[in-house]
Amino acid sequence: MSSTESPSPSPAPQLPDAEEAARVLTDYTGLVLRIAVILVLAFVVRWLLHRTISRIVRRAVATPTVPEALRGRFIDTTPAIAAERRRQRAETVGSVLRSFASIVVFGIAFAMVLSEFEIDLGPAIAGAGIVGVALGFGAQNLVKDFLNGIFMILEDQYGVGDAVDVGEASGIVESVGLRTTRLRSVDGTVWHVRNGEVLRVGNMSQGWSRALLDVSVAYGTDVDHASDVIKRVADEVWRGDRVGEFVLDEPEVWGVEQLGADGIAIRLVVKTAPLEQWKVARELRRALKEAFDDEGIEIPFPQRALWIRSDPEHPPQPVTDPTPAMPAPSPQPSAAADSALERRAMKRPPLPVPGGEADAMRSDTSALRRPDPPETVDPDREH
């Protein structure tokens, strides 16, 4: 009886090592958890920083910019404008700080995430540095605008509602940003000025202003009397109801400022509230005009003295010769034309003509006579 061999069993399939799979799973799980923890911590830190910055901004908006000890030296603008200036300045600084905090926090978080993937940060940092240098050269004007804007806001050089002169443009500030400043001139033109192009700023409304008038009087006027009249008029405007509330201190007459070609300039200065110096100056000019008319003080006008030298060997003499006789009118003028010519001749000043030349012109008029035309010969008459 023959024996049959039993078939040999097939080899079992090779299964992955359970420990290796568990280790890989644990590594990936740990990597994901570490990245998640880094991102969560980054968002939490960013939120805390933003909340702190926002709280500081709100406190800065609610707190006046001028301390109580110095409030007597400065005059703020209207409460609405002052609050808007504080709010805009604080919000701008807060926006810059929030952006800076976000960039720093997320930059650190991104570097930590890359380190978890075992990526060498050296080449990445070097590449980022090269890109930053390239962007700095390409956008240097933009960077300059932002830096100047930050310092202008931090130093409170001007704010919303101020009257400023920034060189090519001047007017009332409507908005202040990190890159540009918007002005509106007196004729309504809106100017957008880049902060990087502002080399100097003249603020005409910060704290207080001053109305400065150089009042001109004729040379024949008594200077002391004119100064007393100017001071009296300025005090009346100061105590008046029209613009007296905008005058902060007693007006001052500083005295003779200039000896001009036509008159004497007496300087008057009046300390006013911000942005009110032009209104006060207009009221002072109106009152001074009325007072000068009552006091008989002459406001000068352009005057010139004319001297004509007829002989180089003799000193010049003033013109005293009367005007030469006017030519006779047309043969048949109307009555209205006669009266108009008479009035015009009475108003016309004498012409400055030297005596010697005038006599020569009256005695010798042959040079002024037009020569007669040559006589023409008719050829038919000769034949």
Protein backbone atom coordinates (compact mmCIF):
# COMPACT_ATOMS: atom_id res chain seq x y z
CA MET A 1 0.00 0.00 0.00
CA SER A 2 1.54 3.17 -1.12
CA SER A 3 1.65 6.20 1.18
CA THR A 4 0.59 9.67 -0.01
CA GLU A 5 2.50 12.72 1.13
CA SER A 6 0.46 15.53 2.64
CA PRO A 7 0.89 18.90 0.90
CA SER A 8 3.15 21.34 2.74
CA PRO A 9 1.42 24.48 4.03
CA SER A 10 2.06 27.77 2.12
CA PRO A 11 4.17 30.36 3.96
CA ALA A 12 2.21 32.98 5.91
CA PRO A 13 2.17 36.54 4.40
CA GLN A 14 4.70 39.06 5.88
CA LEU A 15 2.75 41.62 8.04
CA PRO A 16 4.26 45.03 8.92
CA ASP A 17 5.77 45.29 12.32
CA ALA A 18 3.12 46.56 14.71
CA GLU A 19 5.66 48.33 16.83
CA GLU A 20 7.07 50.22 13.86
CA ALA A 21 3.60 51.29 12.76
CA ALA A 22 2.74 52.43 16.23
CA ARG A 23 5.98 54.40 16.45
CA VAL A 24 5.35 56.12 13.14
CA LEU A 25 1.80 56.93 14.15
CA THR A 26 2.99 58.28 17.45
CA ASP A 27 5.59 60.45 15.72
CA TYR A 28 3.08 61.95 13.31
CA THR A 29 0.56 62.46 16.06
CA GLY A 30 3.14 64.17 18.21
CA LEU A 31 4.22 66.36 15.28
CA VAL A 32 0.66 67.44 14.59
CA LEU A 33 0.02 68.11 18.26
CA ARG A 34 3.21 70.20 18.59
CA ILE A 35 2.32 72.25 15.51
CA ALA A 36 -1.20 72.73 16.81
CA VAL A 37 0.11 73.84 20.19
CA ILE A 38 2.50 76.32 18.50
CA LEU A 39 -0.30 77.82 16.39
CA VAL A 40 -2.72 78.01 19.32
CA LEU A 41 -0.10 79.67 21.49
CA ALA A 42 0.67 82.13 18.67
CA PHE A 43 -2.99 83.11 18.31
CA VAL A 44 -3.41 83.40 22.09
CA VAL A 45 -0.31 85.60 22.44
CA ARG A 46 -1.41 87.73 19.49
CA TRP A 47 -4.89 88.16 21.00
CA LEU A 48 -3.46 89.17 24.36
CA LEU A 49 -1.10 91.69 22.76
CA HIS A 50 -3.88 93.18 20.62
CA ARG A 51 -6.17 93.44 23.63
CA THR A 52 -3.48 95.19 25.65
CA ILE A 53 -2.72 97.61 22.82
CA SER A 54 -6.43 98.38 22.30
CA ARG A 55 -6.84 99.10 26.01
CA ILE A 56 -3.89 101.49 25.91
CA VAL A 57 -5.36 103.20 22.83
CA ARG A 58 -8.73 103.71 24.51
CA ARG A 59 -7.03 105.15 27.57
CA ALA A 60 -4.98 107.49 25.40
CA VAL A 61 -8.11 108.70 23.58
CA ALA A 62 -9.89 109.44 26.85
CA THR A 63 -6.90 111.22 28.43
CA PRO A 64 -6.17 114.84 27.36
CA THR A 65 -2.83 115.38 25.67
CA VAL A 66 -1.94 118.47 27.76
CA PRO A 67 -1.34 117.85 31.49
CA GLU A 68 -3.36 119.82 34.00
CA ALA A 69 -0.23 121.66 35.22
CA LEU A 70 0.38 123.03 31.71
CA ARG A 71 -3.22 123.58 30.66
CA GLY A 72 -3.06 127.30 31.45
CA ARG A 73 -0.33 127.83 28.85
CA PHE A 74 -2.13 126.20 25.96
CA ILE A 75 -5.54 126.60 24.42
CA ASP A 76 -7.03 123.48 22.89
CA THR A 77 -9.24 123.68 19.86
CA THR A 78 -12.90 122.77 20.04
CA PRO A 79 -13.57 119.60 22.08
CA ALA A 80 -14.71 117.69 19.00
CA ILE A 81 -11.55 118.49 17.04
CA ALA A 82 -9.31 117.82 20.04
CA ALA A 83 -10.99 114.45 20.65
CA GLU A 84 -10.71 113.56 16.98
CA ARG A 85 -7.01 114.40 16.99
CA ARG A 86 -6.37 112.23 20.04
CA ARG A 87 -8.43 109.40 18.61
CA GLN A 88 -6.74 109.44 15.22
CA ARG A 89 -3.25 109.67 16.70
CA ALA A 90 -3.90 106.86 19.18
CA GLU A 91 -5.60 104.66 16.59
CA THR A 92 -2.74 105.10 14.16
CA VAL A 93 -0.12 104.22 16.76
CA GLY A 94 -2.25 101.31 17.92
CA SER A 95 -2.60 100.01 14.37
CA VAL A 96 1.16 100.12 13.91
CA LEU A 97 1.76 98.32 17.19
CA ARG A 98 -0.84 95.65 16.42
CA SER A 99 0.65 95.00 13.00
CA PHE A 100 4.15 94.81 14.45
CA ALA A 101 3.00 92.39 17.17
CA SER A 102 1.27 90.15 14.63
CA ILE A 103 4.34 90.04 12.39
CA VAL A 104 6.67 89.16 15.28
CA VAL A 105 4.40 86.50 16.80
CA PHE A 106 3.57 84.74 13.54
CA GLY A 107 7.17 84.99 12.37
CA ILE A 108 8.39 83.19 15.47
CA ALA A 109 5.59 80.61 15.15
CA PHE A 110 6.47 79.96 11.49
CA ALA A 111 10.12 79.40 12.38
CA MET A 112 9.16 76.95 15.14
CA VAL A 113 6.90 75.01 12.75
CA LEU A 114 9.73 74.71 10.23
CA SER A 115 12.05 73.46 12.94
CA GLU A 116 9.51 70.71 13.78
CA PHE A 117 9.82 69.48 10.19
CA GLU A 118 13.61 69.41 10.66
CA ILE A 119 14.13 72.07 7.99
CA ASP A 120 17.35 74.02 8.19
CA LEU A 121 16.45 77.64 8.83
CA GLY A 122 19.83 79.06 7.80
CA PRO A 123 19.19 79.20 4.03
CA ALA A 124 15.61 80.37 4.61
CA ILE A 125 16.77 83.23 6.81
CA ALA A 126 19.48 84.18 4.31
CA GLY A 127 16.94 84.17 1.46
CA ALA A 128 14.51 86.24 3.50
CA GLY A 129 17.29 88.74 4.17
CA ILE A 130 18.07 89.05 0.46
CA VAL A 131 14.39 89.53 -0.36
CA GLY A 132 14.11 92.15 2.38
CA VAL A 133 17.08 94.08 1.02
CA ALA A 134 15.62 94.00 -2.50
CA LEU A 135 12.25 95.20 -1.27
CA GLY A 136 13.97 97.91 0.77
CA PHE A 137 15.74 99.30 -2.29
CA GLY A 138 12.67 99.02 -4.50
CA ALA A 139 10.20 100.49 -2.03
CA GLN A 140 12.45 102.91 -0.19
CA ASN A 141 10.09 105.83 -0.88
CA LEU A 142 7.21 103.86 0.61
CA VAL A 143 9.29 102.95 3.66
CA LYS A 144 10.32 106.60 4.01
CA ASP A 145 6.68 107.72 3.88
CA PHE A 146 5.66 105.26 6.59
CA LEU A 147 8.56 106.11 8.89
CA ASN A 148 7.96 109.86 8.56
CA GLY A 149 4.26 109.35 9.16
CA ILE A 150 4.91 107.39 12.34
CA PHE A 151 7.22 110.07 13.75
CA MET A 152 4.84 112.88 12.77
CA ILE A 153 2.03 111.19 14.65
CA LEU A 154 4.14 110.27 17.67
CA GLU A 155 5.54 113.81 17.96
CA ASP A 156 2.10 115.37 17.37
CA GLN A 157 3.46 117.76 14.77
CA TYR A 158 -0.07 118.37 13.47
CA GLY A 159 -3.48 116.79 13.58
CA VAL A 160 -6.98 116.98 12.19
CA GLY A 161 -8.20 120.58 12.16
CA ASP A 162 -4.79 122.27 12.22
CA ALA A 163 -3.83 124.96 9.73
CA VAL A 164 -0.41 123.95 8.42
CA ASP A 165 2.08 124.95 5.75
CA VAL A 166 4.09 122.02 4.39
CA GLY A 167 5.85 123.84 1.57
CA GLU A 168 4.07 123.51 -1.76
CA ALA A 169 0.67 123.09 -0.12
CA SER A 170 -1.04 124.72 2.83
CA GLY A 171 -4.49 124.45 4.37
CA ILE A 172 -6.57 122.71 7.02
CA VAL A 173 -5.62 119.11 7.85
CA GLU A 174 -8.49 116.73 7.14
CA SER A 175 -6.75 113.40 7.78
CA VAL A 176 -3.35 112.12 8.85
CA GLY A 177 -2.21 108.68 7.73
CA LEU A 178 1.00 106.72 7.83
CA ARG A 179 1.72 107.34 4.14
CA THR A 180 -0.08 110.57 3.19
CA THR A 181 -1.66 113.66 4.72
CA ARG A 182 -4.78 115.28 3.23
CA LEU A 183 -5.09 119.07 3.31
CA ARG A 184 -7.82 121.42 2.09
CA SER A 185 -6.70 124.90 1.07
CA VAL A 186 -8.69 128.09 1.52
CA ASP A 187 -10.02 127.91 -2.05
CA GLY A 188 -11.31 124.35 -1.51
CA THR A 189 -8.49 122.48 -3.24
CA VAL A 190 -7.70 119.11 -1.64
CA TRP A 191 -3.98 118.31 -1.40
CA HIS A 192 -2.62 114.81 -0.82
CA VAL A 193 0.94 115.16 0.48
CA ARG A 194 3.31 112.22 0.91
CA ASN A 195 4.78 112.19 4.40
CA GLY A 196 8.22 111.38 3.05
CA GLU A 197 8.23 114.63 1.03
CA VAL A 198 7.45 116.86 4.02
CA LEU A 199 10.74 118.52 4.97
CA ARG A 200 9.30 121.16 7.30
CA VAL A 201 5.91 121.86 8.84
CA GLY A 202 4.53 125.22 9.92
CA ASN A 203 1.60 124.75 12.30
CA MET A 204 -0.43 127.95 12.62
CA SER A 205 -3.01 126.67 15.10
CA GLN A 206 -1.31 124.63 17.79
CA GLY A 207 -1.88 125.93 21.31
CA TRP A 208 -2.62 129.56 20.36
CA SER A 209 -2.30 131.95 17.43
CA ARG A 210 -1.45 135.59 16.89
CA ALA A 211 -2.98 138.29 14.72
CA LEU A 212 -0.14 140.52 13.49
CA LEU A 213 -0.94 143.81 11.75
CA ASP A 214 1.49 146.39 10.40
CA VAL A 215 -0.72 149.50 10.29
CA SER A 216 0.65 152.13 7.88
CA VAL A 217 0.22 155.87 8.43
CA ALA A 218 1.47 158.85 6.42
CA TYR A 219 4.77 160.52 7.23
CA GLY A 220 3.00 163.67 8.37
CA THR A 221 1.12 161.77 11.11
CA ASP A 222 2.01 162.05 14.79
CA VAL A 223 3.30 158.55 15.60
CA ASP A 224 2.41 158.74 19.30
CA HIS A 225 -1.14 159.85 18.52
CA ALA A 226 -1.53 157.11 15.90
CA SER A 227 -0.20 154.50 18.36
CA ASP A 228 -2.70 155.66 21.00
CA VAL A 229 -5.56 155.37 18.53
CA ILE A 230 -4.46 151.89 17.45
CA LYS A 231 -4.21 150.74 21.07
CA ARG A 232 -7.62 152.19 21.92
CA VAL A 233 -9.27 150.48 18.93
CA ALA A 234 -7.60 147.15 19.74
CA ASP A 235 -8.79 147.32 23.35
CA GLU A 236 -12.34 148.06 22.19
CA VAL A 237 -12.25 145.03 19.91
CA TRP A 238 -10.87 142.94 22.78
CA ARG A 239 -13.73 143.97 25.09
CA GLY A 240 -16.35 143.85 22.34
CA ASP A 241 -18.90 141.17 21.62
CA ARG A 242 -18.06 140.40 18.00
CA VAL A 243 -14.62 138.73 18.33
CA GLY A 244 -13.65 139.58 21.90
CA GLU A 245 -14.13 135.99 23.05
CA PHE A 246 -11.33 134.88 20.70
CA VAL A 247 -8.76 137.35 22.09
CA LEU A 248 -6.76 135.67 24.84
CA ASP A 249 -4.64 138.56 26.11
CA GLU A 250 -4.42 142.34 26.07
CA PRO A 251 -3.40 143.70 22.63
CA GLU A 252 0.07 145.18 22.37
CA VAL A 253 1.43 147.95 20.16
CA TRP A 254 5.10 147.21 19.62
CA GLY A 255 5.88 150.53 17.90
CA VAL A 256 7.32 151.60 14.56
CA GLU A 257 8.20 148.49 12.57
CA GLN A 258 9.27 149.99 9.25
CA LEU A 259 9.93 153.30 7.52
CA GLY A 260 8.64 152.50 4.08
CA ALA A 261 8.67 154.38 0.82
CA ASP A 262 5.11 155.64 1.29
CA GLY A 263 4.48 155.63 5.04
CA ILE A 264 5.30 154.46 8.55
CA ALA A 265 4.30 150.94 9.66
CA ILE A 266 3.22 150.55 13.31
CA ARG A 267 3.03 146.92 14.49
CA LEU A 268 0.02 145.65 16.46
CA VAL A 269 -0.05 142.08 17.88
CA VAL A 270 -3.04 140.30 19.39
CA LYS A 271 -2.93 136.80 20.94
CA THR A 272 -5.93 134.77 19.78
CA ALA A 273 -7.43 131.31 20.00
CA PRO A 274 -6.26 128.78 17.38
CA LEU A 275 -7.59 129.37 13.87
CA GLU A 276 -9.22 132.66 14.91
CA GLN A 277 -6.35 135.06 14.10
CA TRP A 278 -7.71 135.86 10.63
CA LYS A 279 -11.19 136.70 11.94
CA VAL A 280 -9.75 138.98 14.63
CA ALA A 281 -7.42 140.67 12.12
CA ARG A 282 -10.31 141.45 9.76
CA GLU A 283 -12.32 143.01 12.58
CA LEU A 284 -9.30 145.08 13.67
CA ARG A 285 -8.79 146.43 10.14
CA ARG A 286 -12.44 147.46 9.91
CA ALA A 287 -12.36 149.25 13.27
CA LEU A 288 -9.04 150.95 12.51
CA LYS A 289 -10.36 152.30 9.21
CA GLU A 290 -13.33 153.90 10.95
CA ALA A 291 -11.16 155.31 13.75
CA PHE A 292 -8.63 156.78 11.31
CA ASP A 293 -11.42 158.50 9.41
CA ASP A 294 -12.76 160.04 12.63
CA GLU A 295 -9.31 161.14 13.84
CA GLY A 296 -8.17 162.47 10.48
CA ILE A 297 -5.22 160.06 10.28
CA GLU A 298 -4.19 159.58 6.69
CA ILE A 299 -3.62 156.09 5.37
CA PRO A 300 -0.69 156.43 2.95
CA PHE A 301 -0.83 155.78 -0.76
CA PRO A 302 2.02 155.51 -3.27
CA GLN A 303 3.71 158.91 -3.74
CA ARG A 304 6.60 159.90 -5.98
CA ALA A 305 8.60 163.14 -6.42
CA LEU A 306 9.84 163.76 -10.00
CA TRP A 307 12.98 165.80 -10.76
CA ILE A 308 14.21 166.54 -14.28
CA ARG A 309 17.73 167.69 -15.09
CA SER A 310 17.79 169.95 -18.16
CA ASP A 311 21.43 171.04 -17.87
CA PRO A 312 24.08 168.58 -16.69
CA GLU A 313 26.07 171.45 -15.09
CA HIS A 314 23.22 172.64 -12.89
CA PRO A 315 21.35 170.77 -10.13
CA PRO A 316 17.91 169.41 -10.98
CA GLN A 317 14.88 171.63 -10.42
CA PRO A 318 11.32 170.57 -9.60
CA VAL A 319 8.80 170.73 -12.39
CA THR A 320 6.71 173.91 -12.10
CA ASP A 321 5.96 174.80 -15.72
CA PRO A 322 2.24 174.66 -16.57
CA THR A 323 0.86 172.38 -19.15
CA PRO A 324 1.09 173.65 -22.77
CA ALA A 325 -2.10 174.87 -24.35
CA MET A 326 -4.34 172.13 -25.61
CA PRO A 327 -5.25 172.09 -29.31
CA ALA A 328 -8.54 173.69 -30.27
CA PRO A 329 -11.56 171.39 -30.41
CA SER A 330 -13.51 170.59 -33.52
CA PRO A 331 -15.30 173.55 -35.21
CA GLN A 332 -18.81 172.59 -34.06
CA PRO A 333 -18.69 170.71 -30.74
CA SER A 334 -21.84 170.01 -28.81
CA ALA A 335 -22.58 171.49 -25.38
CA ALA A 336 -22.18 168.10 -23.67
CA ALA A 337 -18.79 167.58 -25.31
CA ASP A 338 -17.65 171.07 -24.19
CA SER A 339 -18.56 170.40 -20.58
CA ALA A 340 -16.89 166.96 -20.65
CA LEU A 341 -13.68 168.42 -22.08
CA GLU A 342 -13.67 171.20 -19.48
CA ARG A 343 -14.09 168.74 -16.61
CA ARG A 344 -11.37 166.49 -18.03
CA ALA A 345 -8.96 169.42 -18.40
CA MET A 346 -9.63 170.54 -14.81
CA LYS A 347 -8.90 167.07 -13.42
CA ARG A 348 -5.79 166.46 -15.54
CA PRO A 349 -2.57 167.22 -13.60
CA PRO A 350 0.09 169.43 -15.22
CA LEU A 351 2.67 167.62 -17.26
CA PRO A 352 6.26 167.88 -16.01
CA VAL A 353 8.05 169.84 -18.75
CA PRO A 354 11.24 171.84 -18.04
CA GLY A 355 10.99 175.60 -18.41
CA GLY A 356 13.72 175.97 -21.02
CA GLU A 357 12.41 173.23 -23.24
CA ALA A 358 8.84 174.49 -22.94
CA ASP A 359 9.84 178.00 -24.05
CA ALA A 360 11.80 176.61 -26.98
CA MET A 361 8.83 174.52 -28.06
CA ARG A 362 6.50 177.55 -27.91
CA SER A 363 8.86 179.87 -29.83
CA ASP A 364 10.04 177.44 -32.45
CA THR A 365 7.27 175.30 -33.87
CA SER A 366 8.73 174.95 -37.36
CA ALA A 367 10.26 171.65 -36.38
CA LEU A 368 6.82 170.35 -35.48
CA ARG A 369 5.17 171.59 -38.76
CA ARG A 370 4.56 168.85 -41.27
CA PRO A 371 6.26 169.62 -44.66
CA ASP A 372 4.06 170.18 -47.68
CA PRO A 373 3.99 167.38 -50.25
CA PRO A 374 5.92 168.01 -53.51
CA GLU A 375 3.91 169.50 -56.39
CA THR A 376 3.01 167.01 -59.08
CA VAL A 377 3.12 167.98 -62.74
CA ASP A 378 0.31 166.90 -65.06
CA PRO A 379 1.87 165.64 -68.36
CA ASP A 380 -1.28 166.49 -70.38
CA ARG A 381 -1.08 170.14 -69.21
CA GLU A 382 2.49 170.46 -70.55
CA HIS A 383 1.38 169.36 -73.99
